[in-house]
PDB file of N, CA and C in Angstrom:
ATOM      1  N   MET A   1      97.886 113.964  80.167  1.00  0.00           N
ATOM      2  CA  MET A   1      97.817 113.419  81.508  1.00  0.00           C
ATOM      3  C   MET A   1      99.015 113.929  82.301  1.00  0.00           C
ATOM      4  N   TYR A   2      98.778 114.279  83.519  1.00  0.00           N
ATOM      5  CA  TYR A   2      99.803 114.795  84.405  1.00  0.00           C
ATOM      6  C   TYR A   2     100.181 113.717  85.408  1.00  0.00           C
ATOM      7  N   MET A   3     101.456 113.624  85.745  1.00  0.00           N
ATOM      8  CA  MET A   3     101.906 112.616  86.702  1.00  0.00           C
ATOM      9  C   MET A   3     102.747 113.257  87.790  1.00  0.00           C
ATOM     10  N   MET A   4     102.643 112.719  88.981  1.00  0.00           N
ATOM     11  CA  MET A   4     103.552 113.048  90.076  1.00  0.00           C
ATOM     12  C   MET A   4     104.353 111.778  90.321  1.00  0.00           C
ATOM     13  N   ILE A   5     105.658 111.898  90.374  1.00  0.00           N
ATOM     14  CA  ILE A   5     106.507 110.726  90.551  1.00  0.00           C
ATOM     15  C   ILE A   5     107.346 110.899  91.806  1.00  0.00           C
ATOM     16  N   TYR A   6     107.314 109.892  92.666  1.00  0.00           N
ATOM     17  CA  TYR A   6     108.111 109.882  93.884  1.00  0.00           C
ATOM     18  C   TYR A   6     109.038 108.674  93.849  1.00  0.00           C
ATOM     19  N   LEU A   7     110.325 108.909  93.937  1.00  0.00           N
ATOM     20  CA  LEU A   7     111.270 107.813  94.076  1.00  0.00           C
ATOM     21  C   LEU A   7     111.337 107.491  95.561  1.00  0.00           C
ATOM     22  N   ILE A   8     111.286 106.224  95.875  1.00  0.00           N
ATOM     23  CA  ILE A   8     111.084 105.818  97.256  1.00  0.00           C
ATOM     24  C   ILE A   8     112.396 105.732  98.023  1.00  0.00           C
ATOM     25  N   HIS A   9     112.496 106.582  99.019  1.00  0.00           N
ATOM     26  CA  HIS A   9     113.585 106.527  99.990  1.00  0.00           C
ATOM     27  C   HIS A   9     112.934 106.257 101.335  1.00  0.00           C
ATOM     28  N   LYS A  10     113.483 105.349 102.088  1.00  0.00           N
ATOM     29  CA  LYS A  10     112.894 105.037 103.389  1.00  0.00           C
ATOM     30  C   LYS A  10     113.299 106.109 104.385  1.00  0.00           C
ATOM     31  N   SER A  11     112.599 107.230 104.310  1.00  0.00           N
ATOM     32  CA  SER A  11     112.927 108.334 105.207  1.00  0.00           C
ATOM     33  C   SER A  11     111.658 109.083 105.576  1.00  0.00           C
ATOM     34  N   LEU A  12     111.717 109.772 106.705  1.00  0.00           N
ATOM     35  CA  LEU A  12     110.599 110.585 107.148  1.00  0.00           C
ATOM     36  C   LEU A  12     110.358 111.726 106.163  1.00  0.00           C
ATOM     37  N   ARG A  13     111.419 112.253 105.579  1.00  0.00           N
ATOM     38  CA  ARG A  13     111.294 113.341 104.604  1.00  0.00           C
ATOM     39  C   ARG A  13     110.454 112.902 103.394  1.00  0.00           C
ATOM     40  N   CYS A  14     110.701 111.697 102.908  1.00  0.00           N
ATOM     41  CA  CYS A  14     109.950 111.165 101.765  1.00  0.00           C
ATOM     42  C   CYS A  14     108.480 110.991 102.138  1.00  0.00           C
ATOM     43  N   LYS A  15     108.203 110.443 103.309  1.00  0.00           N
ATOM     44  CA  LYS A  15     106.825 110.244 103.757  1.00  0.00           C
ATOM     45  C   LYS A  15     106.097 111.582 103.878  1.00  0.00           C
ATOM     46  N   ASN A  16     106.760 112.575 104.475  1.00  0.00           N
ATOM     47  CA  ASN A  16     106.135 113.882 104.662  1.00  0.00           C
ATOM     48  C   ASN A  16     105.873 114.586 103.339  1.00  0.00           C
ATOM     49  N   LYS A  17     106.782 114.427 102.386  1.00  0.00           N
ATOM     50  CA  LYS A  17     106.595 115.041 101.069  1.00  0.00           C
ATOM     51  C   LYS A  17     105.337 114.482 100.401  1.00  0.00           C
ATOM     52  N   VAL A  18     105.176 113.176 100.424  1.00  0.00           N
ATOM     53  CA  VAL A  18     103.991 112.556  99.828  1.00  0.00           C
ATOM     54  C   VAL A  18     102.742 113.012 100.580  1.00  0.00           C
ATOM     55  N   LEU A  19     102.800 113.057 101.893  1.00  0.00           N
ATOM     56  CA  LEU A  19     101.649 113.496 102.689  1.00  0.00           C
ATOM     57  C   LEU A  19     101.237 114.913 102.305  1.00  0.00           C
ATOM     58  N   ASN A  20     102.182 115.829 102.260  1.00  0.00           N
ATOM     59  CA  ASN A  20     101.874 117.234 101.984  1.00  0.00           C
ATOM     60  C   ASN A  20     101.413 117.474 100.553  1.00  0.00           C
ATOM     61  N   GLU A  21     101.975 116.774  99.593  1.00  0.00           N
ATOM     62  CA  GLU A  21     101.660 117.030  98.190  1.00  0.00           C
ATOM     63  C   GLU A  21     100.444 116.270  97.668  1.00  0.00           C
ATOM     64  N   THR A  22      99.965 115.297  98.418  1.00  0.00           N
ATOM     65  CA  THR A  22      98.842 114.494  97.929  1.00  0.00           C
ATOM     66  C   THR A  22      97.608 114.590  98.825  1.00  0.00           C
ATOM     67  N   ARG A  23      97.609 115.516  99.722  1.00  0.00           N
ATOM     68  CA  ARG A  23      96.545 115.621 100.735  1.00  0.00           C
ATOM     69  C   ARG A  23      95.133 115.667 100.125  1.00  0.00           C
ATOM     70  N   GLU A  24      94.932 116.366  99.023  1.00  0.00           N
ATOM     71  CA  GLU A  24      93.591 116.543  98.459  1.00  0.00           C
ATOM     72  C   GLU A  24      93.377 115.767  97.159  1.00  0.00           C
ATOM     73  N   LEU A  25      94.226 114.807  96.883  1.00  0.00           N
ATOM     74  CA  LEU A  25      94.131 114.085  95.618  1.00  0.00           C
ATOM     75  C   LEU A  25      93.243 112.851  95.709  1.00  0.00           C
ATOM     76  N   ALA A  26      92.597 112.548  94.590  1.00  0.00           N
ATOM     77  CA  ALA A  26      91.885 111.291  94.389  1.00  0.00           C
ATOM     78  C   ALA A  26      92.205 110.885  92.954  1.00  0.00           C
ATOM     79  N   ALA A  27      92.916 109.807  92.776  1.00  0.00           N
ATOM     80  CA  ALA A  27      93.332 109.411  91.421  1.00  0.00           C
ATOM     81  C   ALA A  27      93.857 107.976  91.444  1.00  0.00           C
ATOM     82  N   ILE A  28      94.348 107.556  90.298  1.00  0.00           N
ATOM     83  CA  ILE A  28      94.955 106.236  90.138  1.00  0.00           C
ATOM     84  C   ILE A  28      96.466 106.369  90.348  1.00  0.00           C
ATOM     85  N   TYR A  29      97.063 105.358  90.945  1.00  0.00           N
ATOM     86  CA  TYR A  29      98.509 105.363  91.144  1.00  0.00           C
ATOM     87  C   TYR A  29      99.073 104.021  90.705  1.00  0.00           C
ATOM     88  N   PHE A  30     100.352 103.998  90.432  1.00  0.00           N
ATOM     89  CA  PHE A  30     100.998 102.705  90.292  1.00  0.00           C
ATOM     90  C   PHE A  30     102.366 102.731  90.918  1.00  0.00           C
ATOM     91  N   ILE A  31     102.748 101.565  91.391  1.00  0.00           N
ATOM     92  CA  ILE A  31     104.038 101.365  92.032  1.00  0.00           C
ATOM     93  C   ILE A  31     104.887 100.585  91.054  1.00  0.00           C
ATOM     94  N   LEU A  32     106.000 101.158  90.675  1.00  0.00           N
ATOM     95  CA  LEU A  32     106.881 100.555  89.681  1.00  0.00           C
ATOM     96  C   LEU A  32     108.146 100.034  90.351  1.00  0.00           C
ATOM     97  N   ASN A  33     108.440  98.757  90.134  1.00  0.00           N
ATOM     98  CA  ASN A  33     109.712  98.179  90.552  1.00  0.00           C
ATOM     99  C   ASN A  33     110.707  98.516  89.454  1.00  0.00           C
ATOM    100  N   LYS A  34     111.649  99.397  89.743  1.00  0.00           N
ATOM    101  CA  LYS A  34     112.569  99.874  88.716  1.00  0.00           C
ATOM    102  C   LYS A  34     113.600  98.822  88.309  1.00  0.00           C
ATOM    103  N   ILE A  35     113.732  97.764  89.063  1.00  0.00           N
ATOM    104  CA  ILE A  35     114.689  96.708  88.739  1.00  0.00           C
ATOM    105  C   ILE A  35     114.075  95.710  87.765  1.00  0.00           C
ATOM    106  N   THR A  36     112.858  95.241  88.071  1.00  0.00           N
ATOM    107  CA  THR A  36     112.212  94.214  87.242  1.00  0.00           C
ATOM    108  C   THR A  36     111.198  94.791  86.252  1.00  0.00           C
ATOM    109  N   LEU A  37     110.836  96.055  86.430  1.00  0.00           N
ATOM    110  CA  LEU A  37     109.803  96.740  85.650  1.00  0.00           C
ATOM    111  C   LEU A  37     108.398  96.161  85.874  1.00  0.00           C
ATOM    112  N   ASP A  38     108.226  95.396  86.949  1.00  0.00           N
ATOM    113  CA  ASP A  38     106.893  94.959  87.357  1.00  0.00           C
ATOM    114  C   ASP A  38     106.193  96.153  87.991  1.00  0.00           C
ATOM    115  N   TYR A  39     104.859  96.140  87.959  1.00  0.00           N
ATOM    116  CA  TYR A  39     104.132  97.254  88.548  1.00  0.00           C
ATOM    117  C   TYR A  39     102.825  96.780  89.166  1.00  0.00           C
ATOM    118  N   TYR A  40     102.316  97.597  90.063  1.00  0.00           N
ATOM    119  CA  TYR A  40     101.041  97.364  90.733  1.00  0.00           C
ATOM    120  C   TYR A  40     100.199  98.615  90.514  1.00  0.00           C
ATOM    121  N   ILE A  41      98.948  98.456  90.107  1.00  0.00           N
ATOM    122  CA  ILE A  41      98.059  99.586  89.892  1.00  0.00           C
ATOM    123  C   ILE A  41      96.998  99.591  90.985  1.00  0.00           C
ATOM    124  N   GLY A  42      96.747 100.779  91.524  1.00  0.00           N
ATOM    125  CA  GLY A  42      95.731 100.932  92.552  1.00  0.00           C
ATOM    126  C   GLY A  42      95.059 102.284  92.433  1.00  0.00           C
ATOM    127  N   SER A  43      94.126 102.539  93.314  1.00  0.00           N
ATOM    128  CA  SER A  43      93.468 103.842  93.336  1.00  0.00           C
ATOM    129  C   SER A  43      93.278 104.268  94.780  1.00  0.00           C
ATOM    130  N   ALA A  44      93.144 105.576  94.949  1.00  0.00           N
ATOM    131  CA  ALA A  44      92.942 106.115  96.289  1.00  0.00           C
ATOM    132  C   ALA A  44      91.948 107.261  96.220  1.00  0.00           C
ATOM    133  N   SER A  45      91.065 107.285  97.193  1.00  0.00           N
ATOM    134  CA  SER A  45      90.112 108.390  97.279  1.00  0.00           C
ATOM    135  C   SER A  45      90.791 109.591  97.941  1.00  0.00           C
ATOM    136  N   THR A  46      90.096 110.691  97.972  1.00  0.00           N
ATOM    137  CA  THR A  46      90.656 111.931  98.501  1.00  0.00           C
ATOM    138  C   THR A  46      91.223 111.728  99.901  1.00  0.00           C
ATOM    139  N   GLY A  47      92.448 112.161 100.072  1.00  0.00           N
ATOM    140  CA  GLY A  47      93.103 112.080 101.372  1.00  0.00           C
ATOM    141  C   GLY A  47      93.696 110.727 101.720  1.00  0.00           C
ATOM    142  N   ARG A  48      93.706 109.767 100.797  1.00  0.00           N
ATOM    143  CA  ARG A  48      94.167 108.411 101.112  1.00  0.00           C
ATOM    144  C   ARG A  48      95.495 108.034 100.474  1.00  0.00           C
ATOM    145  N   PHE A  49      96.107 108.930  99.683  1.00  0.00           N
ATOM    146  CA  PHE A  49      97.362 108.569  99.023  1.00  0.00           C
ATOM    147  C   PHE A  49      98.482 108.285 100.008  1.00  0.00           C
ATOM    148  N   HIS A  50      98.591 109.103 101.019  1.00  0.00           N
ATOM    149  CA  HIS A  50      99.660 108.891 101.996  1.00  0.00           C
ATOM    150  C   HIS A  50      99.503 107.529 102.662  1.00  0.00           C
ATOM    151  N   SER A  51      98.287 107.191 103.013  1.00  0.00           N
ATOM    152  CA  SER A  51      98.010 105.895 103.626  1.00  0.00           C
ATOM    153  C   SER A  51      98.401 104.750 102.694  1.00  0.00           C
ATOM    154  N   ARG A  52      98.005 104.846 101.428  1.00  0.00           N
ATOM    155  CA  ARG A  52      98.359 103.808 100.453  1.00  0.00           C
ATOM    156  C   ARG A  52      99.881 103.712 100.300  1.00  0.00           C
ATOM    157  N   PHE A  53     100.506 104.867 100.198  1.00  0.00           N
ATOM    158  CA  PHE A  53     101.952 104.950 100.015  1.00  0.00           C
ATOM    159  C   PHE A  53     102.704 104.259 101.157  1.00  0.00           C
ATOM    160  N   VAL A  54     102.424 104.649 102.382  1.00  0.00           N
ATOM    161  CA  VAL A  54     103.169 104.072 103.508  1.00  0.00           C
ATOM    162  C   VAL A  54     102.780 102.626 103.761  1.00  0.00           C
ATOM    163  N   ASN A  55     101.507 102.284 103.568  1.00  0.00           N
ATOM    164  CA  ASN A  55     101.106 100.901 103.796  1.00  0.00           C
ATOM    165  C   ASN A  55     101.776  99.942 102.817  1.00  0.00           C
ATOM    166  N   HIS A  56     101.820 100.307 101.551  1.00  0.00           N
ATOM    167  CA  HIS A  56     102.438  99.432 100.554  1.00  0.00           C
ATOM    168  C   HIS A  56     103.964  99.380 100.692  1.00  0.00           C
ATOM    169  N   LEU A  57     104.592 100.525 100.839  1.00  0.00           N
ATOM    170  CA  LEU A  57     106.050 100.589 100.682  1.00  0.00           C
ATOM    171  C   LEU A  57     106.846 100.691 101.978  1.00  0.00           C
ATOM    172  N   PHE A  58     106.205 100.997 103.084  1.00  0.00           N
ATOM    173  CA  PHE A  58     106.933 101.095 104.343  1.00  0.00           C
ATOM    174  C   PHE A  58     106.473 100.048 105.350  1.00  0.00           C
ATOM    175  N   TYR A  59     105.144  99.912 105.528  1.00  0.00           N
ATOM    176  CA  TYR A  59     104.620  98.959 106.507  1.00  0.00           C
ATOM    177  C   TYR A  59     104.323  97.596 105.894  1.00  0.00           C
ATOM    178  N   MET A  60     104.340  97.527 104.575  1.00  0.00           N
ATOM    179  CA  MET A  60     104.130  96.300 103.803  1.00  0.00           C
ATOM    180  C   MET A  60     102.833  95.591 104.172  1.00  0.00           C
ATOM    181  N   THR A  61     101.757  96.369 104.179  1.00  0.00           N
ATOM    182  CA  THR A  61     100.421  95.801 104.348  1.00  0.00           C
ATOM    183  C   THR A  61      99.662  96.091 103.056  1.00  0.00           C
ATOM    184  N   GLY A  62      98.603  95.408 102.831  1.00  0.00           N
ATOM    185  CA  GLY A  62      97.854  95.587 101.580  1.00  0.00           C
ATOM    186  C   GLY A  62      98.169  94.437 100.640  1.00  0.00           C
ATOM    187  N   SER A  63      98.632  94.750  99.462  1.00  0.00           N
ATOM    188  CA  SER A  63      98.889  93.743  98.439  1.00  0.00           C
ATOM    189  C   SER A  63     100.054  92.830  98.819  1.00  0.00           C
ATOM    190  N   LYS A  64      99.797  91.530  98.783  1.00  0.00           N
ATOM    191  CA  LYS A  64     100.843  90.551  99.081  1.00  0.00           C
ATOM    192  C   LYS A  64     101.946  90.574  98.015  1.00  0.00           C
ATOM    193  N   ILE A  65     101.561  90.848  96.775  1.00  0.00           N
ATOM    194  CA  ILE A  65     102.532  90.912  95.673  1.00  0.00           C
ATOM    195  C   ILE A  65     103.509  92.065  95.904  1.00  0.00           C
ATOM    196  N   VAL A  66     102.969  93.233  96.260  1.00  0.00           N
ATOM    197  CA  VAL A  66     103.829  94.396  96.525  1.00  0.00           C
ATOM    198  C   VAL A  66     104.699  94.127  97.744  1.00  0.00           C
ATOM    199  N   LYS A  67     104.132  93.548  98.770  1.00  0.00           N
ATOM    200  CA  LYS A  67     104.870  93.236  99.995  1.00  0.00           C
ATOM    201  C   LYS A  67     106.080  92.355  99.689  1.00  0.00           C
ATOM    202  N   ASN A  68     105.889  91.300  98.912  1.00  0.00           N
ATOM    203  CA  ASN A  68     106.998  90.402  98.589  1.00  0.00           C
ATOM    204  C   ASN A  68     108.060  91.094  97.739  1.00  0.00           C
ATOM    205  N   ALA A  69     107.631  91.931  96.812  1.00  0.00           N
ATOM    206  CA  ALA A  69     108.589  92.660  95.973  1.00  0.00           C
ATOM    207  C   ALA A  69     109.394  93.652  96.807  1.00  0.00           C
ATOM    208  N   VAL A  70     108.722  94.354  97.714  1.00  0.00           N
ATOM    209  CA  VAL A  70     109.421  95.330  98.564  1.00  0.00           C
ATOM    210  C   VAL A  70     110.432  94.616  99.454  1.00  0.00           C
ATOM    211  N   LYS A  71     110.031  93.485 100.012  1.00  0.00           N
ATOM    212  CA  LYS A  71     110.973  92.727 100.846  1.00  0.00           C
ATOM    213  C   LYS A  71     112.197  92.285 100.046  1.00  0.00           C
ATOM    214  N   LYS A  72     111.977  91.910  98.800  1.00  0.00           N
ATOM    215  CA  LYS A  72     113.071  91.396  97.981  1.00  0.00           C
ATOM    216  C   LYS A  72     113.949  92.498  97.395  1.00  0.00           C
ATOM    217  N   TYR A  73     113.352  93.596  96.942  1.00  0.00           N
ATOM    218  CA  TYR A  73     114.106  94.593  96.174  1.00  0.00           C
ATOM    219  C   TYR A  73     114.273  95.955  96.843  1.00  0.00           C
ATOM    220  N   ALA A  74     113.513  96.247  97.875  1.00  0.00           N
ATOM    221  CA  ALA A  74     113.545  97.602  98.450  1.00  0.00           C
ATOM    222  C   ALA A  74     114.874  97.901  99.107  1.00  0.00           C
ATOM    223  N   VAL A  75     115.156  99.176  99.124  1.00  0.00           N
ATOM    224  CA  VAL A  75     116.394  99.628  99.755  1.00  0.00           C
ATOM    225  C   VAL A  75     116.225  99.564 101.262  1.00  0.00           C
ATOM    226  N   GLY A  76     117.251  99.149 101.941  1.00  0.00           N
ATOM    227  CA  GLY A  76     117.257  99.149 103.392  1.00  0.00           C
ATOM    228  C   GLY A  76     117.610 100.527 103.905  1.00  0.00           C
ATOM    229  N   SER A  77     117.480 100.732 105.189  1.00  0.00           N
ATOM    230  CA  SER A  77     117.749 102.051 105.752  1.00  0.00           C
ATOM    231  C   SER A  77     119.220 102.445 105.623  1.00  0.00           C
ATOM    232  N   LYS A  78     120.113 101.469 105.458  1.00  0.00           N
ATOM    233  CA  LYS A  78     121.541 101.773 105.323  1.00  0.00           C
ATOM    234  C   LYS A  78     121.984 101.850 103.872  1.00  0.00           C
ATOM    235  N   PHE A  79     121.081 101.550 102.940  1.00  0.00           N
ATOM    236  CA  PHE A  79     121.419 101.535 101.522  1.00  0.00           C
ATOM    237  C   PHE A  79     121.610 102.956 101.012  1.00  0.00           C
ATOM    238  N   ARG A  80     122.681 103.198 100.298  1.00  0.00           N
ATOM    239  CA  ARG A  80     122.991 104.541  99.807  1.00  0.00           C
ATOM    240  C   ARG A  80     122.780 104.689  98.300  1.00  0.00           C
ATOM    241  N   GLY A  81     122.406 103.635  97.622  1.00  0.00           N
ATOM    242  CA  GLY A  81     122.239 103.669  96.178  1.00  0.00           C
ATOM    243  C   GLY A  81     120.889 104.231  95.765  1.00  0.00           C
ATOM    244  N   PRO A  82     120.566 104.140  94.480  1.00  0.00           N
ATOM    245  CA  PRO A  82     119.294 104.678  93.989  1.00  0.00           C
ATOM    246  C   PRO A  82     118.111 103.843  94.465  1.00  0.00           C
ATOM    247  N   PRO A  83     116.941 104.460  94.585  1.00  0.00           N
ATOM    248  CA  PRO A  83     115.756 103.730  95.036  1.00  0.00           C
ATOM    249  C   PRO A  83     115.293 102.696  94.014  1.00  0.00           C
ATOM    250  N   SER A  84     114.710 101.616  94.501  1.00  0.00           N
ATOM    251  CA  SER A  84     114.258 100.518  93.648  1.00  0.00           C
ATOM    252  C   SER A  84     112.813 100.663  93.188  1.00  0.00           C
ATOM    253  N   PHE A  85     112.040 101.535  93.834  1.00  0.00           N
ATOM    254  CA  PHE A  85     110.625 101.677  93.521  1.00  0.00           C
ATOM    255  C   PHE A  85     110.270 103.133  93.253  1.00  0.00           C
ATOM    256  N   ALA A  86     109.267 103.325  92.403  1.00  0.00           N
ATOM    257  CA  ALA A  86     108.707 104.644  92.157  1.00  0.00           C
ATOM    258  C   ALA A  86     107.209 104.566  92.418  1.00  0.00           C
ATOM    259  N   PHE A  87     106.672 105.579  93.058  1.00  0.00           N
ATOM    260  CA  PHE A  87     105.245 105.704  93.330  1.00  0.00           C
ATOM    261  C   PHE A  87     104.736 106.790  92.396  1.00  0.00           C
ATOM    262  N   ILE A  88     103.923 106.423  91.422  1.00  0.00           N
ATOM    263  CA  ILE A  88     103.524 107.341  90.355  1.00  0.00           C
ATOM    264  C   ILE A  88     102.018 107.563  90.433  1.00  0.00           C
ATOM    265  N   ILE A  89     101.629 108.832  90.461  1.00  0.00           N
ATOM    266  CA  ILE A  89     100.223 109.196  90.567  1.00  0.00           C
ATOM    267  C   ILE A  89      99.773 109.801  89.244  1.00  0.00           C
ATOM    268  N   LEU A  90      98.708 109.257  88.681  1.00  0.00           N
ATOM    269  CA  LEU A  90      98.149 109.748  87.420  1.00  0.00           C
ATOM    270  C   LEU A  90      97.010 110.707  87.750  1.00  0.00           C
ATOM    271  N   LEU A  91      97.135 111.957  87.330  1.00  0.00           N
ATOM    272  CA  LEU A  91      96.247 113.003  87.816  1.00  0.00           C
ATOM    273  C   LEU A  91      95.227 113.516  86.808  1.00  0.00           C
ATOM    274  N   ARG A  92      94.880 112.781  85.829  1.00  0.00           N
ATOM    275  CA  ARG A  92      93.946 113.269  84.810  1.00  0.00           C
ATOM    276  C   ARG A  92      92.620 113.732  85.425  1.00  0.00           C
ATOM    277  N   ASN A  93      91.999 112.917  86.234  1.00  0.00           N
ATOM    278  CA  ASN A  93      90.706 113.262  86.825  1.00  0.00           C
ATOM    279  C   ASN A  93      90.831 114.430  87.790  1.00  0.00           C
ATOM    280  N   TYR A  94      91.927 114.487  88.521  1.00  0.00           N
ATOM    281  CA  TYR A  94      92.141 115.567  89.485  1.00  0.00           C
ATOM    282  C   TYR A  94      92.208 116.906  88.762  1.00  0.00           C
ATOM    283  N   LEU A  95      92.984 116.985  87.694  1.00  0.00           N
ATOM    284  CA  LEU A  95      93.121 118.233  86.959  1.00  0.00           C
ATOM    285  C   LEU A  95      91.804 118.646  86.309  1.00  0.00           C
ATOM    286  N   LYS A  96      91.069 117.683  85.784  1.00  0.00           N
ATOM    287  CA  LYS A  96      89.773 117.972  85.172  1.00  0.00           C
ATOM    288  C   LYS A  96      88.820 118.555  86.216  1.00  0.00           C
ATOM    289  N   LYS A  97      88.801 117.973  87.397  1.00  0.00           N
ATOM    290  CA  LYS A  97      87.936 118.447  88.483  1.00  0.00           C
ATOM    291  C   LYS A  97      88.315 119.866  88.887  1.00  0.00           C
ATOM    292  N   LYS A  98      89.604 120.144  89.043  1.00  0.00           N
ATOM    293  CA  LYS A  98      90.063 121.474  89.434  1.00  0.00           C
ATOM    294  C   LYS A  98      89.702 122.511  88.377  1.00  0.00           C
ATOM    295  N   LEU A  99      89.829 122.150  87.114  1.00  0.00           N
ATOM    296  CA  LEU A  99      89.478 123.060  86.034  1.00  0.00           C
ATOM    297  C   LEU A  99      87.978 123.358  86.055  1.00  0.00           C
ATOM    298  N   GLN A 100      87.157 122.350  86.268  1.00  0.00           N
ATOM    299  CA  GLN A 100      85.715 122.542  86.348  1.00  0.00           C
ATOM    300  C   GLN A 100      85.348 123.447  87.519  1.00  0.00           C
ATOM    301  N   GLU A 101      86.008 123.259  88.667  1.00  0.00           N
ATOM    302  CA  GLU A 101      85.755 124.107  89.829  1.00  0.00           C
ATOM    303  C   GLU A 101      86.112 125.556  89.536  1.00  0.00           C
ATOM    304  N   LYS A 102      87.216 125.773  88.829  1.00  0.00           N
ATOM    305  CA  LYS A 102      87.646 127.120  88.481  1.00  0.00           C
ATOM    306  C   LYS A 102      86.642 127.782  87.539  1.00  0.00           C
ATOM    307  N   ILE A 103      86.141 127.049  86.566  1.00  0.00           N
ATOM    308  CA  ILE A 103      85.168 127.584  85.620  1.00  0.00           C
ATOM    309  C   ILE A 103      83.876 127.945  86.333  1.00  0.00           C
ATOM    310  N   ILE A 104      83.435 127.103  87.240  1.00  0.00           N
ATOM    311  CA  ILE A 104      82.197 127.344  87.985  1.00  0.00           C
ATOM    312  C   ILE A 104      82.326 128.598  88.853  1.00  0.00           C
ATOM    313  N   ARG A 105      83.479 128.789  89.489  1.00  0.00           N
ATOM    314  CA  ARG A 105      83.699 129.953  90.349  1.00  0.00           C
ATOM    315  C   ARG A 105      83.728 131.257  89.556  1.00  0.00           C
ATOM    316  N   ASN A 106      84.175 131.206  88.317  1.00  0.00           N
ATOM    317  CA  ASN A 106      84.278 132.427  87.505  1.00  0.00           C
ATOM    318  C   ASN A 106      83.014 132.621  86.786  1.00  0.00           C
TER     319      ASN A 106
END
């Protein structure tokens, strides 16, 4: 299984990186609170990872559990320490699909 891991920094650079690297993905993701080791599991269809990412961790809409954890543990814009959350994408299905597409084309 392949994973993409994003440590959450409240910055435009972080948002743009997730947007650019997940544009064509459809897979399962989880949000890990690195302080408490609590996690939230979700899924996103093609083109929806950026939306899930910013809604959960920046705009705090969606899951009430994630919203409360982000309010309690997330880094503020002035915080200079390590990020408290990781956004992890599990890409097993994505890689399988890409491999099948490659085989079909050849």
